[in-house]
Protein backbone atom coordinates (compact mmCIF):
# COMPACT_ATOMS: atom_id res chain seq x y z
CA MET A 1 -17.70 22.18 -2.47
CA THR A 2 -15.96 18.98 -2.32
CA THR A 3 -11.67 19.42 -1.49
CA PRO A 4 -9.79 18.18 -3.54
CA ILE A 5 -7.84 15.12 -2.91
CA ALA A 6 -3.89 15.58 -3.20
CA ASN A 7 -2.14 12.28 -4.37
CA ASP A 8 0.83 13.18 -2.49
CA SER A 9 -0.85 14.35 1.07
CA TYR A 10 0.43 12.15 4.01
CA ALA A 11 -1.38 9.59 5.88
CA GLU A 12 -3.80 10.41 8.28
CA PHE A 13 -3.91 8.48 12.06
CA PRO A 14 -7.73 8.55 13.16
CA ALA A 15 -6.65 6.71 16.09
CA ARG A 16 -3.79 4.92 18.22
CA GLY A 17 -3.04 1.89 15.93
CA GLU A 18 -4.66 3.37 12.38
CA LEU A 19 -3.48 4.89 9.27
CA ARG A 20 -5.22 6.27 6.37
CA ILE A 21 -4.18 7.41 2.94
CA VAL A 22 -6.91 8.76 0.22
CA ARG A 23 -5.51 8.91 -3.37
CA LEU A 24 -7.94 9.80 -6.39
CA LEU A 25 -7.03 7.44 -9.73
CA PRO A 26 -7.98 7.23 -12.81
CA GLY A 27 -10.46 4.78 -13.74
CA PRO A 28 -12.63 2.67 -14.57
CA ILE A 29 -12.89 1.13 -10.59
CA GLU A 30 -12.22 -2.43 -12.48
CA ARG A 31 -9.07 -1.36 -13.98
CA VAL A 32 -8.01 -0.07 -10.12
CA TRP A 33 -9.22 -3.36 -8.62
CA ASP A 34 -6.84 -5.60 -11.13
CA PHE A 35 -3.96 -3.68 -9.71
CA LEU A 36 -5.10 -4.47 -6.09
CA THR A 37 -5.40 -8.15 -6.75
CA ASP A 38 -3.63 -9.42 -10.06
CA PRO A 39 -0.62 -10.74 -9.05
CA GLU A 40 1.71 -9.17 -12.20
CA LYS A 41 0.14 -5.89 -11.91
CA ARG A 42 0.47 -5.77 -8.26
CA ALA A 43 3.87 -6.88 -8.54
CA ARG A 44 4.38 -3.63 -10.57
CA TRP A 45 3.85 -1.30 -7.43
CA MET A 46 4.14 -3.07 -4.32
CA CYS A 47 4.42 -6.84 -4.49
CA GLY A 48 3.32 -9.78 -6.43
CA GLY A 49 1.52 -12.95 -4.85
CA VAL A 50 -1.78 -14.74 -5.29
CA THR A 51 -4.74 -13.12 -3.91
CA GLU A 52 -7.51 -15.68 -3.59
CA ALA A 53 -10.51 -12.96 -3.65
CA ARG A 54 -12.80 -14.36 -1.33
CA PRO A 55 -13.17 -14.31 2.17
CA GLY A 56 -11.24 -16.87 4.01
CA GLY A 57 -8.90 -16.83 0.67
CA LYS A 58 -4.70 -16.89 0.73
CA ILE A 59 -3.07 -13.75 -0.24
CA VAL A 60 0.88 -14.25 -0.83
CA PHE A 61 2.90 -11.01 -0.78
CA GLN A 62 6.20 -11.43 -2.69
CA MET A 63 8.31 -8.76 -1.46
CA HIS A 64 11.10 -8.25 -4.35
CA HIS A 65 12.24 -4.39 -4.35
CA ALA A 66 14.94 -4.44 -6.51
CA LYS A 67 12.30 -5.28 -9.13
CA LEU A 68 10.75 -2.00 -8.25
CA SER A 69 13.79 -0.10 -7.92
CA PRO A 70 16.52 -1.57 -9.78
CA GLY A 71 19.77 -0.05 -9.18
CA GLU A 72 18.58 1.75 -5.90
CA THR A 73 20.84 0.48 -3.04
CA PRO A 74 18.47 0.13 0.13
CA PRO A 75 19.24 0.78 3.66
CA GLU A 76 20.56 -1.47 5.22
CA LYS A 77 17.38 -2.31 7.42
CA TRP A 78 15.49 -3.04 4.46
CA ALA A 79 18.18 -5.08 2.15
CA HIS A 80 16.66 -8.23 2.67
CA VAL A 81 13.10 -6.64 1.03
CA HIS A 82 15.39 -5.40 -1.54
CA GLU A 83 17.47 -8.49 -2.40
CA PRO A 84 16.28 -11.81 -1.99
CA GLY A 85 12.96 -10.57 -1.08
CA VAL A 86 10.76 -11.62 1.31
CA THR A 87 7.46 -13.85 0.92
CA PHE A 88 4.79 -14.06 3.67
CA GLU A 89 1.13 -14.67 3.36
CA GLY A 90 -2.26 -13.49 4.91
CA ARG A 91 -5.99 -14.03 4.88
CA VAL A 92 -8.36 -12.12 2.71
CA LEU A 93 -11.21 -10.82 5.38
CA ARG A 94 -13.27 -8.97 3.02
CA CYS A 95 -14.12 -9.22 -0.91
CA GLU A 96 -16.59 -7.45 -2.77
CA PRO A 97 -15.27 -6.85 -6.31
CA PRO A 98 -14.83 -4.39 -7.22
CA ARG A 99 -15.31 -1.99 -4.38
CA LEU A 100 -13.81 -3.51 -1.07
CA LEU A 101 -10.55 -5.94 -0.32
CA SER A 102 -9.74 -6.67 3.38
CA TYR A 103 -6.80 -8.69 4.14
CA THR A 104 -4.42 -9.72 6.98
CA PHE A 105 -0.80 -8.24 6.94
CA GLY A 106 2.40 -9.02 8.36
CA ALA A 107 3.56 -10.81 11.33
CA ASP A 108 1.16 -9.02 13.85
CA ASP A 109 -2.01 -10.05 11.71
CA SER A 110 -3.25 -6.43 11.30
CA VAL A 111 -5.70 -5.72 8.79
CA VAL A 112 -5.33 -3.46 5.61
CA THR A 113 -8.61 -2.36 3.81
CA PHE A 114 -8.84 -0.87 0.40
CA GLU A 115 -12.38 0.56 -0.62
CA LEU A 116 -12.68 2.02 -3.76
CA THR A 117 -15.58 4.29 -4.90
CA ALA A 118 -15.94 5.56 -8.76
CA GLN A 119 -16.37 9.06 -9.06
CA GLY A 120 -16.42 9.78 -12.82
CA ALA A 121 -13.75 8.59 -14.72
CA GLN A 122 -11.87 8.64 -11.59
CA VAL A 123 -11.57 6.26 -8.15
CA LEU A 124 -11.05 7.33 -4.88
CA LEU A 125 -8.85 4.86 -3.05
CA VAL A 126 -9.19 4.55 0.77
CA LEU A 127 -6.74 2.42 2.51
CA THR A 128 -7.00 1.81 6.00
CA HIS A 129 -4.25 -0.21 7.89
CA ARG A 130 -5.27 -0.98 11.54
CA SER A 131 -3.23 -3.12 14.17
CA THR A 132 -3.02 -3.12 18.00
CA GLY A 133 -2.17 0.21 18.60
CA GLU A 134 0.90 -1.36 20.77
CA ASP A 135 3.27 -1.62 17.47
CA ILE A 136 3.96 2.61 17.55
CA PRO A 137 7.38 1.77 15.38
CA GLU A 138 5.67 -0.52 13.04
CA GLN A 139 2.88 2.22 12.53
CA LYS A 140 5.72 4.56 11.49
CA ASN A 141 7.22 1.86 9.15
CA TYR A 142 3.65 1.03 7.41
CA ALA A 143 2.95 4.59 6.91
CA GLY A 144 6.26 5.13 5.16
CA GLY A 145 6.13 1.92 3.07
CA TRP A 146 1.93 2.42 1.81
CA HIS A 147 2.81 6.10 1.31
CA THR A 148 5.86 5.08 -1.06
CA HIS A 149 3.88 2.04 -2.60
CA LEU A 150 0.67 4.07 -3.24
CA ALA A 151 3.27 6.39 -5.17
CA PHE A 152 4.34 3.84 -7.35
CA LEU A 153 0.23 2.82 -8.08
CA VAL A 154 -0.50 6.58 -9.06
CA ALA A 155 2.18 6.71 -11.75
CA ILE A 156 1.27 3.37 -12.87
CA LEU A 157 -2.25 4.45 -13.46
CA GLU A 158 -1.38 8.00 -14.55
CA GLY A 159 1.48 6.52 -16.89
CA ARG A 160 4.27 8.58 -15.48
CA PRO A 161 7.83 7.05 -14.25
CA THR A 162 7.70 5.80 -11.10
CA PRO A 163 9.76 7.35 -8.01
CA LYS A 164 13.02 6.50 -6.55
CA LEU A 165 11.20 3.83 -4.18
CA TRP A 166 14.28 4.10 -1.29
CA GLU A 167 14.81 7.93 -2.13
CA MET A 168 11.38 8.21 -1.52
CA HIS A 169 10.68 6.18 1.62
CA ALA A 170 13.96 7.34 3.14
CA ARG A 171 12.12 11.08 2.98
CA LEU A 172 8.52 9.59 4.51
CA SER A 173 10.35 7.76 6.84
CA ALA A 174 11.61 10.61 8.17
CA HIS A 175 8.42 12.55 8.11
CA TYR A 176 6.73 9.74 9.58
CA GLU A 177 9.28 9.55 12.65
CA GLN A 178 8.16 12.79 13.71
CA VAL A 179 4.23 12.67 13.29
CA VAL A 180 2.94 9.10 14.14
CA PRO A 181 1.15 9.71 17.61
CA ARG A 182 3.10 7.83 20.23
């Protein structure tokens, strides 16, 4: 018997510098793929920006979290991401529509990989974020950030209201501060 996937389960840390989050989403797989690659759809749960969906292509991250959480006041540490927002670029490493997308992310050029697997009318999403392993503070931030943004994606795909971004991020950051391996 397969263990059911809890769409609010915490990230796992299978190796130093690696985190993994698993979610089961309403399909079809092409719909989920669009939310990973289409700038307007990705902006609804994480950030906007073009994705050149080919190996070597550019991916732009236009993070403007005031659009995700209007009326919320971010923690001072994240105020610049909230308003006016930040933009940075990565490079697509692998692109196998609609099943696999892998790209560099952030100043440390860590690697984020989304794997999608159709399971009947649902889609299993496995997000893996790998970095050098020397950036434990960033791993804590990445875990809280991905967990929060995936909660937005789940809510949107299920047709439910999105959570309060900064409230959720604060709660998750406190959790990951305690559990990320040192």
